Amino acid sequence: MAGRGSTTFQKRQKEQQRKEKRAEKLARRQGRKQNPSPEISESAPVDAVVDGVAGSEAAAIAEAGVSPLPE
């Protein structure tokens, strides 16, 4: 095809980054499938849930002094 040059270096870099990101996502998905994390049970204490965040995550947020984003 006339008028078309070879793929630029930047385009190759972007495509390589896309491929790497896809591979990382696939690995994470497969990891979750093999080792499912326990879900938050409904029997969790009410005071342990802060703005939709339960357990140790709420404690970490409280220590950091950062409020979670509103939904």
PDB file of N, CA and C in Angstrom:
ATOM      1  N   MET A   1       0.830  -1.162   0.000  1.00  0.00           N
ATOM      2  CA  MET A   1       0.000   0.000   0.000  1.00  0.00           C
ATOM      3  C   MET A   1       0.886   1.240   0.000  1.00  0.00           C
ATOM      4  N   ALA A   2       0.665   2.053  -0.950  1.00  0.00           N
ATOM      5  CA  ALA A   2       1.489   3.245  -1.095  1.00  0.00           C
ATOM      6  C   ALA A   2       1.166   4.265  -0.012  1.00  0.00           C
ATOM      7  N   GLY A   3       2.165   4.969   0.429  1.00  0.00           N
ATOM      8  CA  GLY A   3       1.956   6.051   1.373  1.00  0.00           C
ATOM      9  C   GLY A   3       1.937   5.623   2.828  1.00  0.00           C
ATOM     10  N   ARG A   4       2.039   4.344   3.078  1.00  0.00           N
ATOM     11  CA  ARG A   4       2.029   3.883   4.476  1.00  0.00           C
ATOM     12  C   ARG A   4       3.443   3.498   4.885  1.00  0.00           C
ATOM     13  N   GLY A   5       3.884   4.101   5.949  1.00  0.00           N
ATOM     14  CA  GLY A   5       5.196   3.774   6.468  1.00  0.00           C
ATOM     15  C   GLY A   5       5.097   2.617   7.441  1.00  0.00           C
ATOM     16  N   SER A   6       6.236   2.226   7.964  1.00  0.00           N
ATOM     17  CA  SER A   6       6.236   1.147   8.941  1.00  0.00           C
ATOM     18  C   SER A   6       5.677   1.668  10.268  1.00  0.00           C
ATOM     19  N   THR A   7       5.281   0.770  11.129  1.00  0.00           N
ATOM     20  CA  THR A   7       4.726   1.145  12.419  1.00  0.00           C
ATOM     21  C   THR A   7       5.777   1.900  13.217  1.00  0.00           C
ATOM     22  N   THR A   8       5.369   2.981  13.824  1.00  0.00           N
ATOM     23  CA  THR A   8       6.322   3.782  14.574  1.00  0.00           C
ATOM     24  C   THR A   8       6.695   3.085  15.873  1.00  0.00           C
ATOM     25  N   PHE A   9       7.792   3.512  16.424  1.00  0.00           N
ATOM     26  CA  PHE A   9       8.299   2.933  17.659  1.00  0.00           C
ATOM     27  C   PHE A   9       7.302   3.128  18.802  1.00  0.00           C
ATOM     28  N   GLN A  10       6.703   4.319  18.873  1.00  0.00           N
ATOM     29  CA  GLN A  10       5.747   4.601  19.943  1.00  0.00           C
ATOM     30  C   GLN A  10       4.527   3.691  19.849  1.00  0.00           C
ATOM     31  N   LYS A  11       4.051   3.453  18.637  1.00  0.00           N
ATOM     32  CA  LYS A  11       2.898   2.577  18.466  1.00  0.00           C
ATOM     33  C   LYS A  11       3.235   1.155  18.911  1.00  0.00           C
ATOM     34  N   ARG A  12       4.431   0.694  18.588  1.00  0.00           N
ATOM     35  CA  ARG A  12       4.850  -0.648  19.029  1.00  0.00           C
ATOM     36  C   ARG A  12       4.925  -0.713  20.548  1.00  0.00           C
ATOM     37  N   GLN A  13       5.434   0.351  21.171  1.00  0.00           N
ATOM     38  CA  GLN A  13       5.518   0.386  22.632  1.00  0.00           C
ATOM     39  C   GLN A  13       4.132   0.322  23.260  1.00  0.00           C
ATOM     40  N   LYS A  14       3.192   1.098  22.730  1.00  0.00           N
ATOM     41  CA  LYS A  14       1.829   1.109  23.260  1.00  0.00           C
ATOM     42  C   LYS A  14       1.187  -0.267  23.130  1.00  0.00           C
ATOM     43  N   GLU A  15       1.361  -0.889  21.977  1.00  0.00           N
ATOM     44  CA  GLU A  15       0.777  -2.207  21.760  1.00  0.00           C
ATOM     45  C   GLU A  15       1.396  -3.226  22.714  1.00  0.00           C
ATOM     46  N   GLN A  16       2.695  -3.140  22.955  1.00  0.00           N
ATOM     47  CA  GLN A  16       3.362  -4.046  23.886  1.00  0.00           C
ATOM     48  C   GLN A  16       2.810  -3.844  25.299  1.00  0.00           C
ATOM     49  N   GLN A  17       2.588  -2.583  25.693  1.00  0.00           N
ATOM     50  CA  GLN A  17       2.019  -2.298  27.009  1.00  0.00           C
ATOM     51  C   GLN A  17       0.615  -2.867  27.132  1.00  0.00           C
ATOM     52  N   ARG A  18      -0.175  -2.756  26.060  1.00  0.00           N
ATOM     53  CA  ARG A  18      -1.527  -3.329  26.069  1.00  0.00           C
ATOM     54  C   ARG A  18      -1.475  -4.836  26.266  1.00  0.00           C
ATOM     55  N   LYS A  19      -0.561  -5.492  25.547  1.00  0.00           N
ATOM     56  CA  LYS A  19      -0.428  -6.942  25.667  1.00  0.00           C
ATOM     57  C   LYS A  19      -0.020  -7.332  27.081  1.00  0.00           C
ATOM     58  N   GLU A  20       0.918  -6.596  27.670  1.00  0.00           N
ATOM     59  CA  GLU A  20       1.364  -6.890  29.034  1.00  0.00           C
ATOM     60  C   GLU A  20       0.216  -6.708  30.028  1.00  0.00           C
ATOM     61  N   LYS A  21      -0.554  -5.648  29.850  1.00  0.00           N
ATOM     62  CA  LYS A  21      -1.677  -5.382  30.751  1.00  0.00           C
ATOM     63  C   LYS A  21      -2.718  -6.491  30.646  1.00  0.00           C
ATOM     64  N   ARG A  22      -3.009  -6.923  29.405  1.00  0.00           N
ATOM     65  CA  ARG A  22      -3.955  -8.028  29.216  1.00  0.00           C
ATOM     66  C   ARG A  22      -3.471  -9.286  29.914  1.00  0.00           C
ATOM     67  N   ALA A  23      -2.154  -9.578  29.783  1.00  0.00           N
ATOM     68  CA  ALA A  23      -1.587 -10.768  30.401  1.00  0.00           C
ATOM     69  C   ALA A  23      -1.668 -10.683  31.927  1.00  0.00           C
ATOM     70  N   GLU A  24      -1.404  -9.489  32.491  1.00  0.00           N
ATOM     71  CA  GLU A  24      -1.491  -9.306  33.943  1.00  0.00           C
ATOM     72  C   GLU A  24      -2.917  -9.507  34.434  1.00  0.00           C
ATOM     73  N   LYS A  25      -3.890  -8.946  33.694  1.00  0.00           N
ATOM     74  CA  LYS A  25      -5.288  -9.101  34.075  1.00  0.00           C
ATOM     75  C   LYS A  25      -5.694 -10.573  34.022  1.00  0.00           C
ATOM     76  N   LEU A  26      -5.264 -11.271  32.996  1.00  0.00           N
ATOM     77  CA  LEU A  26      -5.592 -12.684  32.865  1.00  0.00           C
ATOM     78  C   LEU A  26      -5.002 -13.468  34.030  1.00  0.00           C
ATOM     79  N   ALA A  27      -3.758 -13.158  34.405  1.00  0.00           N
ATOM     80  CA  ALA A  27      -3.123 -13.850  35.523  1.00  0.00           C
ATOM     81  C   ALA A  27      -3.872 -13.577  36.827  1.00  0.00           C
ATOM     82  N   ARG A  28      -4.308 -12.321  37.034  1.00  0.00           N
ATOM     83  CA  ARG A  28      -5.066 -11.993  38.244  1.00  0.00           C
ATOM     84  C   ARG A  28      -6.393 -12.754  38.266  1.00  0.00           C
ATOM     85  N   ARG A  29      -7.079 -12.795  37.107  1.00  0.00           N
ATOM     86  CA  ARG A  29      -8.359 -13.505  37.041  1.00  0.00           C
ATOM     87  C   ARG A  29      -8.177 -14.976  37.367  1.00  0.00           C
ATOM     88  N   GLN A  30      -7.141 -15.586  36.780  1.00  0.00           N
ATOM     89  CA  GLN A  30      -6.900 -17.002  37.028  1.00  0.00           C
ATOM     90  C   GLN A  30      -6.528 -17.247  38.484  1.00  0.00           C
ATOM     91  N   GLY A  31      -5.784 -16.313  39.075  1.00  0.00           N
ATOM     92  CA  GLY A  31      -5.428 -16.438  40.484  1.00  0.00           C
ATOM     93  C   GLY A  31      -6.653 -16.374  41.381  1.00  0.00           C
ATOM     94  N   ARG A  32      -7.570 -15.466  41.067  1.00  0.00           N
ATOM     95  CA  ARG A  32      -8.801 -15.366  41.849  1.00  0.00           C
ATOM     96  C   ARG A  32      -9.659 -16.609  41.678  1.00  0.00           C
ATOM     97  N   LYS A  33      -9.623 -17.183  40.485  1.00  0.00           N
ATOM     98  CA  LYS A  33     -10.422 -18.368  40.228  1.00  0.00           C
ATOM     99  C   LYS A  33      -9.878 -19.550  41.036  1.00  0.00           C
ATOM    100  N   GLN A  34      -8.545 -19.652  41.135  1.00  0.00           N
ATOM    101  CA  GLN A  34      -7.915 -20.752  41.863  1.00  0.00           C
ATOM    102  C   GLN A  34      -7.981 -20.545  43.372  1.00  0.00           C
ATOM    103  N   ASN A  35      -7.830 -19.301  43.835  1.00  0.00           N
ATOM    104  CA  ASN A  35      -7.823 -18.992  45.262  1.00  0.00           C
ATOM    105  C   ASN A  35      -8.860 -17.924  45.565  1.00  0.00           C
ATOM    106  N   PRO A  36     -10.130 -18.294  45.599  1.00  0.00           N
ATOM    107  CA  PRO A  36     -11.149 -17.275  45.856  1.00  0.00           C
ATOM    108  C   PRO A  36     -11.006 -16.710  47.267  1.00  0.00           C
ATOM    109  N   SER A  37     -11.117 -15.395  47.388  1.00  0.00           N
ATOM    110  CA  SER A  37     -11.017 -14.761  48.696  1.00  0.00           C
ATOM    111  C   SER A  37     -12.357 -14.892  49.405  1.00  0.00           C
ATOM    112  N   PRO A  38     -12.323 -15.024  50.714  1.00  0.00           N
ATOM    113  CA  PRO A  38     -13.590 -15.147  51.440  1.00  0.00           C
ATOM    114  C   PRO A  38     -14.365 -13.844  51.363  1.00  0.00           C
ATOM    115  N   GLU A  39     -15.648 -13.955  51.145  1.00  0.00           N
ATOM    116  CA  GLU A  39     -16.497 -12.775  51.044  1.00  0.00           C
ATOM    117  C   GLU A  39     -16.860 -12.294  52.440  1.00  0.00           C
ATOM    118  N   ILE A  40     -17.247 -11.042  52.538  1.00  0.00           N
ATOM    119  CA  ILE A  40     -17.666 -10.479  53.816  1.00  0.00           C
ATOM    120  C   ILE A  40     -18.994 -11.117  54.199  1.00  0.00           C
ATOM    121  N   SER A  41     -19.027 -11.699  55.385  1.00  0.00           N
ATOM    122  CA  SER A  41     -20.252 -12.361  55.810  1.00  0.00           C
ATOM    123  C   SER A  41     -21.239 -11.345  56.360  1.00  0.00           C
ATOM    124  N   GLU A  42     -22.493 -11.714  56.347  1.00  0.00           N
ATOM    125  CA  GLU A  42     -23.529 -10.825  56.858  1.00  0.00           C
ATOM    126  C   GLU A  42     -23.518 -10.789  58.378  1.00  0.00           C
ATOM    127  N   SER A  43     -22.815 -11.731  59.009  1.00  0.00           N
ATOM    128  CA  SER A  43     -22.773 -11.779  60.466  1.00  0.00           C
ATOM    129  C   SER A  43     -21.655 -10.901  61.039  1.00  0.00           C
ATOM    130  N   ALA A  44     -21.004 -10.079  60.206  1.00  0.00           N
ATOM    131  CA  ALA A  44     -19.960  -9.185  60.685  1.00  0.00           C
ATOM    132  C   ALA A  44     -20.576  -8.151  61.614  1.00  0.00           C
ATOM    133  N   PRO A  45     -19.859  -7.786  62.680  1.00  0.00           N
ATOM    134  CA  PRO A  45     -20.399  -6.787  63.593  1.00  0.00           C
ATOM    135  C   PRO A  45     -20.699  -5.484  62.867  1.00  0.00           C
ATOM    136  N   VAL A  46     -21.771  -4.831  63.265  1.00  0.00           N
ATOM    137  CA  VAL A  46     -22.207  -3.611  62.607  1.00  0.00           C
ATOM    138  C   VAL A  46     -21.165  -2.519  62.752  1.00  0.00           C
ATOM    139  N   ASP A  47     -20.507  -2.424  63.931  1.00  0.00           N
ATOM    140  CA  ASP A  47     -19.532  -1.365  64.136  1.00  0.00           C
ATOM    141  C   ASP A  47     -18.245  -1.601  63.341  1.00  0.00           C
ATOM    142  N   ALA A  48     -18.033  -2.807  62.791  1.00  0.00           N
ATOM    143  CA  ALA A  48     -16.844  -3.088  61.993  1.00  0.00           C
ATOM    144  C   ALA A  48     -17.000  -2.566  60.571  1.00  0.00           C
ATOM    145  N   VAL A  49     -18.218  -2.229  60.186  1.00  0.00           N
ATOM    146  CA  VAL A  49     -18.454  -1.738  58.836  1.00  0.00           C
ATOM    147  C   VAL A  49     -18.514  -0.214  58.878  1.00  0.00           C
ATOM    148  N   VAL A  50     -17.585   0.420  58.140  1.00  0.00           N
ATOM    149  CA  VAL A  50     -17.519   1.877  58.107  1.00  0.00           C
ATOM    150  C   VAL A  50     -17.627   2.317  56.652  1.00  0.00           C
ATOM    151  N   ASP A  51     -18.690   3.003  56.308  1.00  0.00           N
ATOM    152  CA  ASP A  51     -18.901   3.499  54.954  1.00  0.00           C
ATOM    153  C   ASP A  51     -18.733   2.408  53.906  1.00  0.00           C
ATOM    154  N   GLY A  52     -19.264   1.244  54.168  1.00  0.00           N
ATOM    155  CA  GLY A  52     -19.213   0.157  53.198  1.00  0.00           C
ATOM    156  C   GLY A  52     -17.899  -0.594  53.185  1.00  0.00           C
ATOM    157  N   VAL A  53     -16.994  -0.287  54.120  1.00  0.00           N
ATOM    158  CA  VAL A  53     -15.711  -0.978  54.204  1.00  0.00           C
ATOM    159  C   VAL A  53     -15.691  -1.720  55.525  1.00  0.00           C
ATOM    160  N   ALA A  54     -15.343  -3.005  55.501  1.00  0.00           N
ATOM    161  CA  ALA A  54     -15.399  -3.794  56.719  1.00  0.00           C
ATOM    162  C   ALA A  54     -14.015  -4.212  57.190  1.00  0.00           C
ATOM    163  N   GLY A  55     -13.945  -4.547  58.448  1.00  0.00           N
ATOM    164  CA  GLY A  55     -12.787  -5.180  59.045  1.00  0.00           C
ATOM    165  C   GLY A  55     -11.507  -4.381  59.015  1.00  0.00           C
ATOM    166  N   SER A  56     -10.407  -5.059  58.626  1.00  0.00           N
ATOM    167  CA  SER A  56      -9.073  -4.464  58.685  1.00  0.00           C
ATOM    168  C   SER A  56      -8.927  -3.285  57.725  1.00  0.00           C
ATOM    169  N   GLU A  57      -9.683  -3.295  56.635  1.00  0.00           N
ATOM    170  CA  GLU A  57      -9.613  -2.164  55.703  1.00  0.00           C
ATOM    171  C   GLU A  57     -10.113  -0.893  56.373  1.00  0.00           C
ATOM    172  N   ALA A  58     -11.192  -1.014  57.157  1.00  0.00           N
ATOM    173  CA  ALA A  58     -11.731   0.150  57.862  1.00  0.00           C
ATOM    174  C   ALA A  58     -10.722   0.654  58.880  1.00  0.00           C
ATOM    175  N   ALA A  59     -10.038  -0.260  59.565  1.00  0.00           N
ATOM    176  CA  ALA A  59      -9.029   0.140  60.542  1.00  0.00           C
ATOM    177  C   ALA A  59      -7.870   0.855  59.858  1.00  0.00           C
ATOM    178  N   ALA A  60      -7.453   0.349  58.707  1.00  0.00           N
ATOM    179  CA  ALA A  60      -6.351   0.977  57.972  1.00  0.00           C
ATOM    180  C   ALA A  60      -6.747   2.372  57.496  1.00  0.00           C
ATOM    181  N   ILE A  61      -7.980   2.518  57.058  1.00  0.00           N
ATOM    182  CA  ILE A  61      -8.456   3.826  56.602  1.00  0.00           C
ATOM    183  C   ILE A  61      -8.510   4.792  57.780  1.00  0.00           C
ATOM    184  N   ALA A  62      -8.978   4.304  58.935  1.00  0.00           N
ATOM    185  CA  ALA A  62      -9.072   5.156  60.119  1.00  0.00           C
ATOM    186  C   ALA A  62      -7.694   5.608  60.577  1.00  0.00           C
ATOM    187  N   GLU A  63      -6.702   4.697  60.529  1.00  0.00           N
ATOM    188  CA  GLU A  63      -5.336   5.041  60.928  1.00  0.00           C
ATOM    189  C   GLU A  63      -4.738   6.077  59.988  1.00  0.00           C
ATOM    190  N   ALA A  64      -5.021   5.944  58.712  1.00  0.00           N
ATOM    191  CA  ALA A  64      -4.460   6.860  57.729  1.00  0.00           C
ATOM    192  C   ALA A  64      -5.158   8.209  57.760  1.00  0.00           C
ATOM    193  N   GLY A  65      -6.329   8.262  58.349  1.00  0.00           N
ATOM    194  CA  GLY A  65      -7.066   9.504  58.425  1.00  0.00           C
ATOM    195  C   GLY A  65      -7.665   9.916  57.094  1.00  0.00           C
ATOM    196  N   VAL A  66      -7.912   8.930  56.239  1.00  0.00           N
ATOM    197  CA  VAL A  66      -8.462   9.198  54.906  1.00  0.00           C
ATOM    198  C   VAL A  66      -9.883   8.666  54.882  1.00  0.00           C
ATOM    199  N   SER A  67     -10.782   9.486  54.382  1.00  0.00           N
ATOM    200  CA  SER A  67     -12.154   9.008  54.261  1.00  0.00           C
ATOM    201  C   SER A  67     -12.343   8.371  52.896  1.00  0.00           C
ATOM    202  N   PRO A  68     -13.082   7.249  52.819  1.00  0.00           N
ATOM    203  CA  PRO A  68     -13.330   6.608  51.526  1.00  0.00           C
ATOM    204  C   PRO A  68     -14.157   7.514  50.618  1.00  0.00           C
ATOM    205  N   LEU A  69     -14.037   7.267  49.331  1.00  0.00           N
ATOM    206  CA  LEU A  69     -14.794   8.065  48.369  1.00  0.00           C
ATOM    207  C   LEU A  69     -16.279   7.775  48.489  1.00  0.00           C
ATOM    208  N   PRO A  70     -17.116   8.781  48.373  1.00  0.00           N
ATOM    209  CA  PRO A  70     -18.566   8.543  48.422  1.00  0.00           C
ATOM    210  C   PRO A  70     -19.010   7.805  47.178  1.00  0.00           C
ATOM    211  N   GLU A  71     -20.061   7.021  47.321  1.00  0.00           N
ATOM    212  CA  GLU A  71     -20.552   6.227  46.192  1.00  0.00           C
ATOM    213  C   GLU A  71     -21.464   7.016  45.323  1.00  0.00           C
TER     214      GLU A  71
END
